[in-house]
Every structure is written in C-alpha cells, then in structure tokens.
Amino acid sequence: MEFLHAIFVAPFVDMWTDPFFLAELILVGLSTGVMYSLVALGFVLIFKASGMFNFAQGAMVLFAALTLVGLMEKGAPVWLALIVTMGVMVALSFAVERCMLRYLVNQEGLILFMATIGLNFVLEGAGQLMWGSDVKRLDIGIPDRPMDILDGKILLNTFDVTAAVIGAILVISLAVFFQKTAMGRALRAVADDHQAALSVGIPLKTIWITVWTIAGIVALVAGIVWGSKSGVQFSLALIALKALPVLILGGFTSVPGAIIGGLIIGVGEKVAEGYWGPAFGGAIENWFAYILALAFLVFRPQGLFGEKIIERV
C-alpha cells in the first residue's frame, strides 16, 4: 500500500506543494534534453542522407573530444585546437566517403549498419592509439558555478545553461538548413533513392561528404560539452546508447523529432528521478528513457514525427 501511495499519490502532492522544485527539474531536464537532441541529430543527418544507421556516431563524439583535448595538452591554444579538430573531422568525412560509402551505394541496410560498426572500432582504436586511454580533463572556459533564480528558489548551473544555449543554436541552425535550403532538399532526395538522385544530377559524393562533415561538427560540439562535464573518457562512446530512445520517440528521419524527443527524454528522466526515484530506490533516470522508448515501439514504432512506412507485397 505504501508503494502504491509513493507512485500514484505522493509525487503529485509534492508537485502541487512545491512548484519551484518541479520548475527546477524541468529547466535542468530541458538543458540535458538539448544535449541529447544534439547527439541524436548526428544520427538523423546521416540516416536521412544515406539510409544508414551510423553506429559510429558515439565514437565520432569520442574521437573529436580526444583530438581536441590531445592538441590542448600538446600546448595548442583553445582556438587553434578547435580549428584543427574541425579540420580533422572534415578530413574524416572525406576518408569515410572515399574508403567506405562509395562502395556501398544501394546496398542493404544491414550491410551499411555493419560498415558503421567497423568504423566505430576503427575510430575508437585510432583515438586510443594517438591520445592514450587515460581520462582527460577538458576545460575551454565555459563557466561552471551555481545560478540562483527567484532568490534561490530555483538553482541551476551556469555550465548547463551555457551548454544548452550552444546546443540550441546549433540545433536550430541545422533544422533551418534541412528545411529551407537546396542542399537540405537534396539530402532528403538522396535518402529516398540513391540512383534516382544521381539520375537528376544530385552529386552523391558531395552530399555524403557534406552530411558527414556536419555530423562530425555536431559530434565535436557534443564531445566538448559532455567531455567538459564528465571528462574525456572512452565511456563517451556509449553516449550513442542514450540517443537511441530520443530517435525512437522522435523518428529516425525527423530533425524536429530529434529535437522534441531529446527534450521529452531530458525532462522526463529528471522529473521521474525527482518524484518517483525514491520509490524505486533511486537511479531511475538511467533506465526511464528506455522504458518510454519501449512503450513507443509497441504503440507508435515510427515515433512522433517519423514517416509510417507501408510495404506492399
């Protein structure tokens, strides 16, 4: 009886009696959700352009962060390390197109997926070979101190707010790019049919290099944020697993879906941990997103904004 009360009654009473705590959880969840959206966008970009689920996106986040912090440890100033790392991610996109993608045009989705698994191991191994496997501290000057709102009734962190603003700017820019530009429309055409896109003059090589470059820049920003928050370590590659529920909620082909899905997951897990965590012994935010994703797979597998695919046989 006490367990049922802790699940169905106590959380809603607490929300009513202390709305400032609820508001704090929502704001923290939104800042976290923007970061989830940023990682999920890397998946959506590549999936829309090539029809492949890029299992190596988490490794790209790790590789970008390792390169940046490695250059800074060698004595490079932050601005130079950022420029060089961006150049490395652009070079990586050219290498992926030249050595992998051009040989996989119109291949089955499973073959494309397996190729990205191989790329994942290559990037993790290359990062460890070049920069080592020790946990590295990344500090690029983002302020990290408490922030009082409404005379201390709501407490936030300046790092979370700054990271959320950076992520939001990038997310909005990518959404506009996909929806309003000719390149964005070309990316969608390539995702629908590689051969048809080639037949109307869309340069497949250029499209793939462009989208992998953008995904690399997204991975760099995500690596900076998550690396600054928790240290640059090989667990960063597992960030891809956190993006999966976001993609399931929003839809694998939808840029707005990645944004909304990330915000839902971020807010949901913080609110769930704050109000329902004690009833389950804590740490509910570690698995809340996957339970929510499972429910979507059962009742709406295409996600909130994904396209429902009907195959006639």
C-alpha atoms as a PDB file:
ATOM      1  CA  MET A   1       0.000   0.000   0.000  1.00  0.00           C
ATOM      2  CA  GLU A   2       2.836   2.401   0.817  1.00  0.00           C
ATOM      3  CA  PHE A   3       4.464   1.610  -2.531  1.00  0.00           C
ATOM      4  CA  LEU A   4       1.260   2.457  -4.430  1.00  0.00           C
ATOM      5  CA  HIS A   5       0.920   5.682  -2.456  1.00  0.00           C
ATOM      6  CA  ALA A   6       4.545   6.599  -3.303  1.00  0.00           C
ATOM      7  CA  ILE A   7       3.833   6.077  -7.016  1.00  0.00           C
ATOM      8  CA  PHE A   8       0.330   7.395  -7.583  1.00  0.00           C
ATOM      9  CA  VAL A   9      -0.272   9.962  -4.835  1.00  0.00           C
ATOM     10  CA  ALA A  10       2.872  11.383  -3.224  1.00  0.00           C
ATOM     11  CA  PRO A  11       4.569  12.692  -6.420  1.00  0.00           C
ATOM     12  CA  PHE A  12       1.548  14.737  -7.475  1.00  0.00           C
ATOM     13  CA  VAL A  13       1.083  16.121  -3.971  1.00  0.00           C
ATOM     14  CA  ASP A  14       4.745  17.182  -3.957  1.00  0.00           C
ATOM     15  CA  MET A  15       4.366  18.849  -7.354  1.00  0.00           C
ATOM     16  CA  TRP A  16       1.441  20.868  -6.038  1.00  0.00           C
ATOM     17  CA  THR A  17       3.035  21.865  -2.752  1.00  0.00           C
ATOM     18  CA  ASP A  18       6.487  22.732  -4.166  1.00  0.00           C
ATOM     19  CA  PRO A  19       6.118  24.018  -7.754  1.00  0.00           C
ATOM     20  CA  PHE A  20       9.586  25.621  -7.667  1.00  0.00           C
ATOM     21  CA  PHE A  21      11.243  22.214  -7.325  1.00  0.00           C
ATOM     22  CA  LEU A  22       9.212  20.994 -10.305  1.00  0.00           C
ATOM     23  CA  ALA A  23      10.252  24.063 -12.301  1.00  0.00           C
ATOM     24  CA  GLU A  24      13.910  23.417 -11.414  1.00  0.00           C
ATOM     25  CA  LEU A  25      13.674  19.802 -12.584  1.00  0.00           C
ATOM     26  CA  ILE A  26      12.051  20.884 -15.845  1.00  0.00           C
ATOM     27  CA  LEU A  27      14.727  23.516 -16.543  1.00  0.00           C
ATOM     28  CA  VAL A  28      17.550  21.080 -15.782  1.00  0.00           C
ATOM     29  CA  GLY A  29      15.815  18.464 -17.927  1.00  0.00           C
ATOM     30  CA  LEU A  30      15.496  20.895 -20.829  1.00  0.00           C
ATOM     31  CA  SER A  31      19.222  21.710 -20.712  1.00  0.00           C
ATOM     32  CA  THR A  32      20.052  17.995 -20.661  1.00  0.00           C
ATOM     33  CA  GLY A  33      17.500  17.306 -23.387  1.00  0.00           C
ATOM     34  CA  VAL A  34      19.157  19.801 -25.736  1.00  0.00           C
ATOM     35  CA  MET A  35      22.383  17.804 -25.402  1.00  0.00           C
ATOM     36  CA  TYR A  36      20.545  14.564 -26.150  1.00  0.00           C
ATOM     37  CA  SER A  37      18.990  16.220 -29.200  1.00  0.00           C
ATOM     38  CA  LEU A  38      22.428  17.297 -30.374  1.00  0.00           C
ATOM     39  CA  VAL A  39      23.745  13.741 -30.290  1.00  0.00           C
ATOM     40  CA  ALA A  40      20.576  12.373 -31.902  1.00  0.00           C
ATOM     41  CA  LEU A  41      20.867  14.891 -34.735  1.00  0.00           C
ATOM     42  CA  GLY A  42      24.121  13.278 -35.814  1.00  0.00           C
ATOM     43  CA  PHE A  43      22.238  10.030 -36.339  1.00  0.00           C
ATOM     44  CA  VAL A  44      19.344  11.725 -38.148  1.00  0.00           C
ATOM     45  CA  LEU A  45      21.622  13.653 -40.519  1.00  0.00           C
ATOM     46  CA  ILE A  46      23.412  10.542 -41.751  1.00  0.00           C
ATOM     47  CA  PHE A  47      20.278   8.388 -41.808  1.00  0.00           C
ATOM     48  CA  LYS A  48      18.443  10.949 -43.945  1.00  0.00           C
ATOM     49  CA  ALA A  49      21.324  11.273 -46.402  1.00  0.00           C
ATOM     50  CA  SER A  50      22.348   7.634 -46.780  1.00  0.00           C
ATOM     51  CA  GLY A  51      19.665   5.491 -45.192  1.00  0.00           C
ATOM     52  CA  MET A  52      22.251   4.080 -42.785  1.00  0.00           C
ATOM     53  CA  PHE A  53      22.111   3.990 -39.010  1.00  0.00           C
ATOM     54  CA  ASN A  54      25.524   5.309 -38.013  1.00  0.00           C
ATOM     55  CA  PHE A  55      26.567   3.134 -35.090  1.00  0.00           C
ATOM     56  CA  ALA A  56      29.862   5.048 -35.062  1.00  0.00           C
ATOM     57  CA  GLN A  57      28.306   8.384 -34.051  1.00  0.00           C
ATOM     58  CA  GLY A  58      29.265   7.845 -30.406  1.00  0.00           C
ATOM     59  CA  ALA A  59      32.821   7.001 -31.464  1.00  0.00           C
ATOM     60  CA  MET A  60      32.882  10.221 -33.519  1.00  0.00           C
ATOM     61  CA  VAL A  61      31.976  12.175 -30.371  1.00  0.00           C
ATOM     62  CA  LEU A  62      34.819  10.457 -28.515  1.00  0.00           C
ATOM     63  CA  PHE A  63      37.310  10.881 -31.370  1.00  0.00           C
ATOM     64  CA  ALA A  64      36.559  14.602 -31.705  1.00  0.00           C
ATOM     65  CA  ALA A  65      36.866  15.203 -27.959  1.00  0.00           C
ATOM     66  CA  LEU A  66      40.110  13.194 -27.741  1.00  0.00           C
ATOM     67  CA  THR A  67      41.617  15.112 -30.648  1.00  0.00           C
ATOM     68  CA  LEU A  68      40.690  18.464 -29.125  1.00  0.00           C
ATOM     69  CA  VAL A  69      41.976  17.725 -25.632  1.00  0.00           C
ATOM     70  CA  GLY A  70      45.061  15.991 -27.052  1.00  0.00           C
ATOM     71  CA  LEU A  71      46.012  19.086 -29.046  1.00  0.00           C
ATOM     72  CA  MET A  72      45.448  21.292 -26.000  1.00  0.00           C
ATOM     73  CA  GLU A  73      47.708  19.040 -23.923  1.00  0.00           C
ATOM     74  CA  LYS A  74      50.393  19.487 -26.603  1.00  0.00           C
ATOM     75  CA  GLY A  75      50.283  23.219 -25.954  1.00  0.00           C
ATOM     76  CA  ALA A  76      47.902  24.432 -28.656  1.00  0.00           C
ATOM     77  CA  PRO A  77      45.624  27.313 -27.608  1.00  0.00           C
ATOM     78  CA  VAL A  78      41.904  26.571 -27.455  1.00  0.00           C
ATOM     79  CA  TRP A  79      41.035  28.455 -30.652  1.00  0.00           C
ATOM     80  CA  LEU A  80      43.743  26.699 -32.665  1.00  0.00           C
ATOM     81  CA  ALA A  81      42.838  23.282 -31.230  1.00  0.00           C
ATOM     82  CA  LEU A  82      39.199  23.868 -32.227  1.00  0.00           C
ATOM     83  CA  ILE A  83      40.123  24.827 -35.796  1.00  0.00           C
ATOM     84  CA  VAL A  84      42.474  21.863 -36.219  1.00  0.00           C
ATOM     85  CA  THR A  85      39.906  19.454 -34.752  1.00  0.00           C
ATOM     86  CA  MET A  86      37.260  20.742 -37.145  1.00  0.00           C
ATOM     87  CA  GLY A  87      39.720  20.154 -39.978  1.00  0.00           C
ATOM     88  CA  VAL A  88      40.308  16.615 -38.715  1.00  0.00           C
ATOM     89  CA  MET A  89      36.557  15.915 -38.705  1.00  0.00           C
ATOM     90  CA  VAL A  90      36.255  17.271 -42.258  1.00  0.00           C
ATOM     91  CA  ALA A  91      39.155  15.052 -43.341  1.00  0.00           C
ATOM     92  CA  LEU A  92      37.418  12.128 -41.646  1.00  0.00           C
ATOM     93  CA  SER A  93      34.290  12.755 -43.718  1.00  0.00           C
ATOM     94  CA  PHE A  94      36.337  12.664 -46.935  1.00  0.00           C
ATOM     95  CA  ALA A  95      38.013   9.436 -45.809  1.00  0.00           C
ATOM     96  CA  VAL A  96      34.677   7.790 -44.962  1.00  0.00           C
ATOM     97  CA  GLU A  97      33.257   8.683 -48.371  1.00  0.00           C
ATOM     98  CA  ARG A  98      36.384   7.586 -50.244  1.00  0.00           C
ATOM     99  CA  CYS A  99      37.069   4.350 -48.389  1.00  0.00           C
ATOM    100  CA  MET A 100      33.577   3.189 -47.408  1.00  0.00           C
ATOM    101  CA  LEU A 101      30.487   4.936 -48.745  1.00  0.00           C
ATOM    102  CA  ARG A 102      31.245   4.942 -52.468  1.00  0.00           C
ATOM    103  CA  TYR A 103      31.429   1.147 -52.407  1.00  0.00           C
ATOM    104  CA  LEU A 104      28.084   0.788 -50.614  1.00  0.00           C
ATOM    105  CA  VAL A 105      25.693   2.633 -52.921  1.00  0.00           C
ATOM    106  CA  ASN A 106      22.256   0.937 -52.868  1.00  0.00           C
ATOM    107  CA  GLN A 107      23.429  -1.821 -50.539  1.00  0.00           C
ATOM    108  CA  GLU A 108      21.100  -3.362 -47.978  1.00  0.00           C
ATOM    109  CA  GLY A 109      20.594  -1.518 -44.708  1.00  0.00           C
ATOM    110  CA  LEU A 110      22.195  -4.340 -42.719  1.00  0.00           C
ATOM    111  CA  ILE A 111      25.400  -4.062 -44.770  1.00  0.00           C
ATOM    112  CA  LEU A 112      25.531  -0.303 -44.175  1.00  0.00           C
ATOM    113  CA  PHE A 113      24.948  -0.832 -40.472  1.00  0.00           C
ATOM    114  CA  MET A 114      27.740  -3.395 -40.232  1.00  0.00           C
ATOM    115  CA  ALA A 115      30.065  -0.985 -42.023  1.00  0.00           C
ATOM    116  CA  THR A 116      29.458   1.664 -39.367  1.00  0.00           C
ATOM    117  CA  ILE A 117      30.155  -0.892 -36.628  1.00  0.00           C
ATOM    118  CA  GLY A 118      33.554  -1.437 -38.238  1.00  0.00           C
ATOM    119  CA  LEU A 119      34.072   2.334 -38.423  1.00  0.00           C
ATOM    120  CA  ASN A 120      33.210   2.559 -34.724  1.00  0.00           C
ATOM    121  CA  PHE A 121      36.066   0.200 -33.803  1.00  0.00           C
ATOM    122  CA  VAL A 122      38.474   1.980 -36.162  1.00  0.00           C
ATOM    123  CA  LEU A 123      37.772   5.380 -34.565  1.00  0.00           C
ATOM    124  CA  GLU A 124      37.994   4.067 -31.014  1.00  0.00           C
ATOM    125  CA  GLY A 125      41.276   2.305 -31.786  1.00  0.00           C
ATOM    126  CA  ALA A 126      42.731   5.313 -33.603  1.00  0.00           C
ATOM    127  CA  GLY A 127      41.770   7.630 -30.746  1.00  0.00           C
ATOM    128  CA  GLN A 128      43.387   5.370 -28.176  1.00  0.00           C
ATOM    129  CA  LEU A 129      46.489   4.891 -30.328  1.00  0.00           C
ATOM    130  CA  MET A 130      47.022   8.627 -30.843  1.00  0.00           C
ATOM    131  CA  TRP A 131      45.984  10.083 -27.498  1.00  0.00           C
ATOM    132  CA  GLY A 132      46.011   7.222 -24.974  1.00  0.00           C
ATOM    133  CA  SER A 133      43.222   5.786 -22.842  1.00  0.00           C
ATOM    134  CA  ASP A 134      43.528   7.862 -19.643  1.00  0.00           C
ATOM    135  CA  VAL A 135      40.647  10.082 -18.534  1.00  0.00           C
ATOM    136  CA  LYS A 136      41.419  13.627 -19.666  1.00  0.00           C
ATOM    137  CA  ARG A 137      40.107  16.881 -18.264  1.00  0.00           C
ATOM    138  CA  LEU A 138      38.708  19.286 -20.847  1.00  0.00           C
ATOM    139  CA  ASP A 139      38.355  22.957 -19.974  1.00  0.00           C
ATOM    140  CA  ILE A 140      37.656  25.505 -22.706  1.00  0.00           C
ATOM    141  CA  GLY A 141      36.497  28.266 -20.371  1.00  0.00           C
ATOM    142  CA  ILE A 142      32.779  27.537 -20.034  1.00  0.00           C
ATOM    143  CA  PRO A 143      31.768  28.974 -16.609  1.00  0.00           C
ATOM    144  CA  ASP A 144      30.729  26.430 -14.003  1.00  0.00           C
ATOM    145  CA  ARG A 145      29.100  27.933 -10.929  1.00  0.00           C
ATOM    146  CA  PRO A 146      25.679  27.933  -9.233  1.00  0.00           C
ATOM    147  CA  MET A 147      22.984  30.249 -10.528  1.00  0.00           C
ATOM    148  CA  ASP A 148      20.159  31.457  -8.269  1.00  0.00           C
ATOM    149  CA  ILE A 149      16.754  32.221  -9.767  1.00  0.00           C
ATOM    150  CA  LEU A 150      13.901  33.802  -7.813  1.00  0.00           C
ATOM    151  CA  ASP A 151      16.054  34.427  -4.727  1.00  0.00           C
ATOM    152  CA  GLY A 152      17.375  30.888  -4.526  1.00  0.00           C
ATOM    153  CA  LYS A 153      14.060  29.108  -5.026  1.00  0.00           C
ATOM    154  CA  ILE A 154      15.400  27.603  -8.262  1.00  0.00           C
ATOM    155  CA  LEU A 155      19.050  26.532  -8.516  1.00  0.00           C
ATOM    156  CA  LEU A 156      20.757  25.954 -11.856  1.00  0.00           C
ATOM    157  CA  ASN A 157      24.317  25.655 -13.078  1.00  0.00           C
ATOM    158  CA  THR A 158      25.840  28.168 -15.468  1.00  0.00           C
ATOM    159  CA  PHE A 159      27.602  25.355 -17.343  1.00  0.00           C
ATOM    160  CA  ASP A 160      24.304  23.586 -18.052  1.00  0.00           C
ATOM    161  CA  VAL A 161      22.670  26.819 -19.195  1.00  0.00           C
ATOM    162  CA  THR A 162      25.602  27.772 -21.443  1.00  0.00           C
ATOM    163  CA  ALA A 163      25.771  24.282 -22.951  1.00  0.00           C
ATOM    164  CA  ALA A 164      22.027  24.336 -23.571  1.00  0.00           C
ATOM    165  CA  VAL A 165      22.265  27.693 -25.367  1.00  0.00           C
ATOM    166  CA  ILE A 166      25.142  26.458 -27.562  1.00  0.00           C
ATOM    167  CA  GLY A 167      23.274  23.256 -28.345  1.00  0.00           C
ATOM    168  CA  ALA A 168      20.035  25.114 -29.060  1.00  0.00           C
ATOM    169  CA  ILE A 169      21.753  27.459 -31.530  1.00  0.00           C
ATOM    170  CA  LEU A 170      23.286  24.522 -33.398  1.00  0.00           C
ATOM    171  CA  VAL A 171      20.046  22.520 -33.341  1.00  0.00           C
ATOM    172  CA  ILE A 172      18.005  25.428 -34.718  1.00  0.00           C
ATOM    173  CA  SER A 173      20.619  26.130 -37.405  1.00  0.00           C
ATOM    174  CA  LEU A 174      20.538  22.504 -38.565  1.00  0.00           C
ATOM    175  CA  ALA A 175      16.754  22.437 -38.582  1.00  0.00           C
ATOM    176  CA  VAL A 176      16.655  25.547 -40.797  1.00  0.00           C
ATOM    177  CA  PHE A 177      19.380  24.086 -43.022  1.00  0.00           C
ATOM    178  CA  PHE A 178      17.422  20.901 -43.638  1.00  0.00           C
ATOM    179  CA  GLN A 179      14.047  22.520 -44.161  1.00  0.00           C
ATOM    180  CA  LYS A 180      14.870  25.747 -46.030  1.00  0.00           C
ATOM    181  CA  THR A 181      17.965  25.177 -48.188  1.00  0.00           C
ATOM    182  CA  ALA A 182      18.505  23.489 -51.540  1.00  0.00           C
ATOM    183  CA  MET A 183      21.200  21.283 -50.002  1.00  0.00           C
ATOM    184  CA  GLY A 184      18.752  20.143 -47.353  1.00  0.00           C
ATOM    185  CA  ARG A 185      16.225  19.132 -50.015  1.00  0.00           C
ATOM    186  CA  ALA A 186      18.973  17.321 -51.907  1.00  0.00           C
ATOM    187  CA  LEU A 187      19.845  15.406 -48.754  1.00  0.00           C
ATOM    188  CA  ARG A 188      16.258  14.235 -48.420  1.00  0.00           C
ATOM    189  CA  ALA A 189      16.195  13.180 -52.070  1.00  0.00           C
ATOM    190  CA  VAL A 190      19.354  11.116 -51.639  1.00  0.00           C
ATOM    191  CA  ALA A 191      17.856   9.419 -48.601  1.00  0.00           C
ATOM    192  CA  ASP A 192      14.786   8.359 -50.612  1.00  0.00           C
ATOM    193  CA  ASP A 193      16.656   6.810 -53.539  1.00  0.00           C
ATOM    194  CA  HIS A 194      20.388   6.994 -54.344  1.00  0.00           C
ATOM    195  CA  GLN A 195      20.056   6.081 -58.024  1.00  0.00           C
ATOM    196  CA  ALA A 196      17.109   8.426 -58.633  1.00  0.00           C
ATOM    197  CA  ALA A 197      19.038  11.278 -57.022  1.00  0.00           C
ATOM    198  CA  LEU A 198      22.012  10.571 -59.282  1.00  0.00           C
ATOM    199  CA  SER A 199      19.749  10.480 -62.345  1.00  0.00           C
ATOM    200  CA  VAL A 200      18.518  14.046 -61.737  1.00  0.00           C
ATOM    201  CA  GLY A 201      22.038  15.389 -61.264  1.00  0.00           C
ATOM    202  CA  ILE A 202      22.424  15.390 -57.490  1.00  0.00           C
ATOM    203  CA  PRO A 203      26.129  14.707 -56.758  1.00  0.00           C
ATOM    204  CA  LEU A 204      26.059  11.811 -54.320  1.00  0.00           C
ATOM    205  CA  LYS A 205      29.723  12.208 -53.343  1.00  0.00           C
ATOM    206  CA  THR A 206      29.258  15.865 -52.427  1.00  0.00           C
ATOM    207  CA  ILE A 207      26.098  15.140 -50.456  1.00  0.00           C
ATOM    208  CA  TRP A 208      27.719  12.406 -48.397  1.00  0.00           C
ATOM    209  CA  ILE A 209      30.842  14.442 -47.664  1.00  0.00           C
ATOM    210  CA  THR A 210      28.661  17.389 -46.631  1.00  0.00           C
ATOM    211  CA  VAL A 211      26.432  15.411 -44.296  1.00  0.00           C
ATOM    212  CA  TRP A 212      29.304  13.508 -42.668  1.00  0.00           C
ATOM    213  CA  THR A 213      31.131  16.805 -42.181  1.00  0.00           C
ATOM    214  CA  ILE A 214      28.085  18.298 -40.458  1.00  0.00           C
ATOM    215  CA  ALA A 215      27.718  15.161 -38.356  1.00  0.00           C
ATOM    216  CA  GLY A 216      31.398  15.477 -37.437  1.00  0.00           C
ATOM    217  CA  ILE A 217      30.936  19.091 -36.316  1.00  0.00           C
ATOM    218  CA  VAL A 218      27.874  18.037 -34.289  1.00  0.00           C
ATOM    219  CA  ALA A 219      29.989  15.274 -32.729  1.00  0.00           C
ATOM    220  CA  LEU A 220      32.692  17.834 -31.871  1.00  0.00           C
ATOM    221  CA  VAL A 221      30.224  20.117 -30.080  1.00  0.00           C
ATOM    222  CA  ALA A 222      28.715  17.156 -28.233  1.00  0.00           C
ATOM    223  CA  GLY A 223      32.199  15.943 -27.313  1.00  0.00           C
ATOM    224  CA  ILE A 224      33.144  19.379 -25.959  1.00  0.00           C
ATOM    225  CA  VAL A 225      30.021  19.601 -23.811  1.00  0.00           C
ATOM    226  CA  TRP A 226      29.977  16.073 -22.449  1.00  0.00           C
ATOM    227  CA  GLY A 227      33.779  15.955 -22.165  1.00  0.00           C
ATOM    228  CA  SER A 228      33.858  19.206 -20.192  1.00  0.00           C
ATOM    229  CA  LYS A 229      31.130  17.898 -17.921  1.00  0.00           C
ATOM    230  CA  SER A 230      32.366  14.376 -17.158  1.00  0.00           C
ATOM    231  CA  GLY A 231      35.903  14.214 -18.559  1.00  0.00           C
ATOM    232  CA  VAL A 232      37.062  12.871 -21.911  1.00  0.00           C
ATOM    233  CA  GLN A 233      36.995   9.109 -21.483  1.00  0.00           C
ATOM    234  CA  PHE A 234      36.012   6.102 -23.532  1.00  0.00           C
ATOM    235  CA  SER A 235      32.574   5.942 -21.920  1.00  0.00           C
ATOM    236  CA  LEU A 236      31.751   8.939 -24.142  1.00  0.00           C
ATOM    237  CA  ALA A 237      31.342   6.476 -26.998  1.00  0.00           C
ATOM    238  CA  LEU A 238      28.373   5.000 -25.129  1.00  0.00           C
ATOM    239  CA  ILE A 239      26.552   8.294 -25.459  1.00  0.00           C
ATOM    240  CA  ALA A 240      25.095   6.809 -28.633  1.00  0.00           C
ATOM    241  CA  LEU A 241      23.024   4.457 -26.492  1.00  0.00           C
ATOM    242  CA  LYS A 242      21.402   7.455 -24.790  1.00  0.00           C
ATOM    243  CA  ALA A 243      20.419   8.870 -28.168  1.00  0.00           C
ATOM    244  CA  LEU A 244      18.531   5.731 -29.195  1.00  0.00           C
ATOM    245  CA  PRO A 245      15.425   6.466 -27.086  1.00  0.00           C
ATOM    246  CA  VAL A 246      15.442  10.005 -28.487  1.00  0.00           C
ATOM    247  CA  LEU A 247      15.422   8.644 -32.042  1.00  0.00           C
ATOM    248  CA  ILE A 248      12.677   6.142 -31.230  1.00  0.00           C
ATOM    249  CA  LEU A 249      10.489   8.883 -29.766  1.00  0.00           C
ATOM    250  CA  GLY A 250      11.098  11.477 -32.454  1.00  0.00           C
ATOM    251  CA  GLY A 251      11.576   9.270 -35.503  1.00  0.00           C
ATOM    252  CA  PHE A 252      14.784   8.327 -37.281  1.00  0.00           C
ATOM    253  CA  THR A 253      14.080  10.608 -40.261  1.00  0.00           C
ATOM    254  CA  SER A 254      12.901  13.752 -38.498  1.00  0.00           C
ATOM    255  CA  VAL A 255      15.082  16.677 -37.444  1.00  0.00           C
ATOM    256  CA  PRO A 256      12.229  18.260 -35.416  1.00  0.00           C
ATOM    257  CA  GLY A 257      11.613  14.810 -33.957  1.00  0.00           C
ATOM    258  CA  ALA A 258      15.188  14.590 -32.687  1.00  0.00           C
ATOM    259  CA  ILE A 259      14.746  17.962 -31.000  1.00  0.00           C
ATOM    260  CA  ILE A 260      11.375  17.222 -29.390  1.00  0.00           C
ATOM    261  CA  GLY A 261      12.400  13.676 -28.488  1.00  0.00           C
ATOM    262  CA  GLY A 262      15.539  14.907 -26.730  1.00  0.00           C
ATOM    263  CA  LEU A 263      13.582  17.454 -24.705  1.00  0.00           C
ATOM    264  CA  ILE A 264      10.966  14.867 -23.708  1.00  0.00           C
ATOM    265  CA  ILE A 265      13.639  12.402 -22.601  1.00  0.00           C
ATOM    266  CA  GLY A 266      15.623  15.060 -20.726  1.00  0.00           C
ATOM    267  CA  VAL A 267      12.651  16.463 -18.824  1.00  0.00           C
ATOM    268  CA  GLY A 268      11.057  13.049 -18.304  1.00  0.00           C
ATOM    269  CA  GLU A 269      14.077  11.432 -16.710  1.00  0.00           C
ATOM    270  CA  LYS A 270      14.767  14.367 -14.368  1.00  0.00           C
ATOM    271  CA  VAL A 271      11.144  14.617 -13.225  1.00  0.00           C
ATOM    272  CA  ALA A 272      10.908  10.841 -12.852  1.00  0.00           C
ATOM    273  CA  GLU A 273      14.097  10.749 -10.776  1.00  0.00           C
ATOM    274  CA  GLY A 274      12.966  13.644  -8.610  1.00  0.00           C
ATOM    275  CA  TYR A 275       9.498  12.334  -7.771  1.00  0.00           C
ATOM    276  CA  TRP A 276       9.442   8.592  -8.476  1.00  0.00           C
ATOM    277  CA  GLY A 277      13.112   7.770  -7.852  1.00  0.00           C
ATOM    278  CA  PRO A 278      12.781   7.268  -4.077  1.00  0.00           C
ATOM    279  CA  ALA A 279      10.011   4.700  -4.571  1.00  0.00           C
ATOM    280  CA  PHE A 280      12.297   2.609  -6.793  1.00  0.00           C
ATOM    281  CA  GLY A 281      15.477   3.057  -4.783  1.00  0.00           C
ATOM    282  CA  GLY A 282      16.921   5.838  -6.963  1.00  0.00           C
ATOM    283  CA  ALA A 283      18.788   5.873 -10.304  1.00  0.00           C
ATOM    284  CA  ILE A 284      15.511   5.752 -12.223  1.00  0.00           C
ATOM    285  CA  GLU A 285      16.867   8.212 -14.803  1.00  0.00           C
ATOM    286  CA  ASN A 286      19.320   5.565 -16.008  1.00  0.00           C
ATOM    287  CA  TRP A 287      16.525   3.395 -17.409  1.00  0.00           C
ATOM    288  CA  PHE A 288      13.484   5.688 -17.666  1.00  0.00           C
ATOM    289  CA  ALA A 289      14.268   6.671 -21.276  1.00  0.00           C
ATOM    290  CA  TYR A 290      14.432   3.044 -22.416  1.00  0.00           C
ATOM    291  CA  ILE A 291      11.095   2.166 -20.800  1.00  0.00           C
ATOM    292  CA  LEU A 292       9.497   5.147 -22.537  1.00  0.00           C
ATOM    293  CA  ALA A 293      11.095   4.126 -25.840  1.00  0.00           C
ATOM    294  CA  LEU A 294       9.788   0.586 -25.397  1.00  0.00           C
ATOM    295  CA  ALA A 295       6.261   1.921 -24.991  1.00  0.00           C
ATOM    296  CA  PHE A 296       6.638   3.894 -28.228  1.00  0.00           C
ATOM    297  CA  LEU A 297       7.915   0.828 -30.066  1.00  0.00           C
ATOM    298  CA  VAL A 298       4.757  -1.015 -29.063  1.00  0.00           C
ATOM    299  CA  PHE A 299       2.184   1.693 -29.799  1.00  0.00           C
ATOM    300  CA  ARG A 300       3.873   4.054 -32.305  1.00  0.00           C
ATOM    301  CA  PRO A 301       7.030   2.473 -33.751  1.00  0.00           C
ATOM    302  CA  GLN A 302       7.600   5.265 -36.300  1.00  0.00           C
ATOM    303  CA  GLY A 303       7.905   7.842 -33.491  1.00  0.00           C
ATOM    304  CA  LEU A 304       6.158  11.165 -33.080  1.00  0.00           C
ATOM    305  CA  PHE A 305       7.349  12.679 -36.367  1.00  0.00           C
ATOM    306  CA  GLY A 306       8.697   9.689 -38.282  1.00  0.00           C
ATOM    307  CA  GLU A 307       7.208   8.526 -41.541  1.00  0.00           C
ATOM    308  CA  LYS A 308       4.986   5.480 -41.412  1.00  0.00           C
ATOM    309  CA  ILE A 309       6.351   3.023 -43.966  1.00  0.00           C
ATOM    310  CA  ILE A 310       3.886   0.720 -45.730  1.00  0.00           C
ATOM    311  CA  GLU A 311       5.347  -2.024 -47.878  1.00  0.00           C
ATOM    312  CA  ARG A 312       3.104  -3.768 -50.389  1.00  0.00           C
ATOM    313  CA  VAL A 313       3.841  -7.404 -51.049  1.00  0.00           C
END
